[in-house]
Protein backbone atom coordinates (compact mmCIF):
# COMPACT_ATOMS: atom_id res chain seq x y z
CA MET A 1 11.29 36.30 -19.48
CA LYS A 2 9.97 32.92 -17.61
CA TYR A 3 7.13 33.39 -15.36
CA ILE A 4 7.24 31.22 -12.15
CA GLU A 5 3.97 29.31 -11.21
CA LYS A 6 4.34 31.67 -7.60
CA ASP A 7 3.79 34.81 -10.09
CA LEU A 8 0.70 33.32 -11.87
CA THR A 9 -0.62 32.44 -8.41
CA LEU A 10 -0.26 35.70 -6.95
CA LEU A 11 -1.64 37.66 -9.92
CA ALA A 12 -4.47 34.94 -10.34
CA ASN A 13 -5.27 35.78 -6.54
CA VAL A 14 -5.60 39.46 -7.23
CA LEU A 15 -8.15 38.51 -9.97
CA LYS A 16 -10.45 36.70 -8.26
CA THR A 17 -10.61 38.73 -5.26
CA ASN A 18 -10.80 42.46 -6.82
CA LYS A 19 -12.65 41.05 -9.80
CA SER A 20 -10.31 42.94 -12.36
CA LEU A 21 -6.53 43.56 -12.62
CA ASP A 22 -4.66 46.16 -14.77
CA LEU A 23 -1.02 45.47 -15.81
CA LYS A 24 1.72 46.38 -18.17
CA HIS A 25 3.38 43.49 -20.42
CA LYS A 26 5.60 44.17 -23.11
CA GLY A 27 4.78 47.74 -23.40
CA GLN A 28 1.14 47.30 -23.93
CA PHE A 29 -1.27 47.75 -20.97
CA TYR A 30 -3.74 44.70 -20.15
CA GLN A 31 -7.11 44.86 -18.48
CA ILE A 32 -8.17 41.30 -17.02
CA PHE A 33 -11.72 41.44 -15.65
CA GLU A 34 -14.46 38.92 -14.41
CA SER A 35 -17.79 38.40 -16.83
CA ASP A 36 -20.68 37.47 -15.43
CA ASP A 37 -21.08 34.05 -17.02
CA LEU A 38 -18.34 33.80 -19.38
CA GLY A 39 -15.30 33.80 -17.27
CA TYR A 40 -12.92 36.79 -17.60
CA ILE A 41 -12.28 39.44 -20.43
CA ILE A 42 -8.67 40.37 -21.44
CA ASN A 43 -8.45 44.13 -23.01
CA ILE A 44 -5.27 45.32 -24.56
CA TYR A 45 -4.29 48.71 -25.04
CA THR A 46 -2.04 51.07 -26.29
CA SER A 47 -1.98 53.42 -23.30
CA ASN A 48 -3.00 53.72 -20.15
CA GLU A 49 -4.92 56.89 -20.26
CA ARG A 50 -8.16 56.87 -18.67
CA ASP A 51 -11.48 58.72 -18.80
CA GLU A 52 -13.13 60.93 -16.13
CA ASN A 53 -14.73 57.49 -14.61
CA GLY A 54 -11.05 55.97 -14.16
CA ASP A 55 -11.90 53.54 -17.64
CA LEU A 56 -9.09 53.04 -20.31
CA LEU A 57 -9.95 54.93 -23.10
CA ASP A 58 -11.92 52.35 -25.66
CA SER A 59 -10.09 54.32 -28.23
CA ASN A 60 -6.41 53.01 -27.46
CA MET A 61 -8.14 49.27 -27.08
CA ILE A 62 -6.18 47.35 -29.97
CA ASP A 63 -7.47 43.79 -29.07
CA GLY A 64 -9.30 41.98 -26.66
CA GLY A 65 -10.53 38.16 -25.91
CA ILE A 66 -12.09 35.98 -23.44
CA CYS A 67 -10.94 33.39 -21.58
CA THR A 68 -13.48 30.54 -20.12
CA GLY A 69 -11.29 29.06 -17.64
CA SER A 70 -9.61 30.16 -14.82
CA ALA A 71 -8.20 33.00 -13.40
CA LYS A 72 -4.75 31.46 -13.91
CA ASP A 73 -5.69 30.43 -17.38
CA ALA A 74 -6.48 33.99 -18.55
CA ILE A 75 -3.38 35.40 -17.18
CA ASN A 76 -1.53 32.81 -18.98
CA PHE A 77 -3.71 33.86 -21.75
CA MET A 78 -2.35 37.26 -21.54
CA ILE A 79 0.87 36.75 -21.32
CA SER A 80 1.30 34.01 -24.05
């Protein structure tokens, strides 16, 4: 699936405004959130199951990473 610039810009704006974004992509669940000093943290989960506080379960996390670029860079990093 080809992503267009407009979609990336829209998602990046949501991320910048809300400081976090949860997405499902290719059967996996992604959580992107702004770090205080590193840019954006991207975590990947097998399920969107949440705990009593509404947080995704760490036991379902399969990978994660840091993007030191912009919100749009973080979205690109996630879908690549």
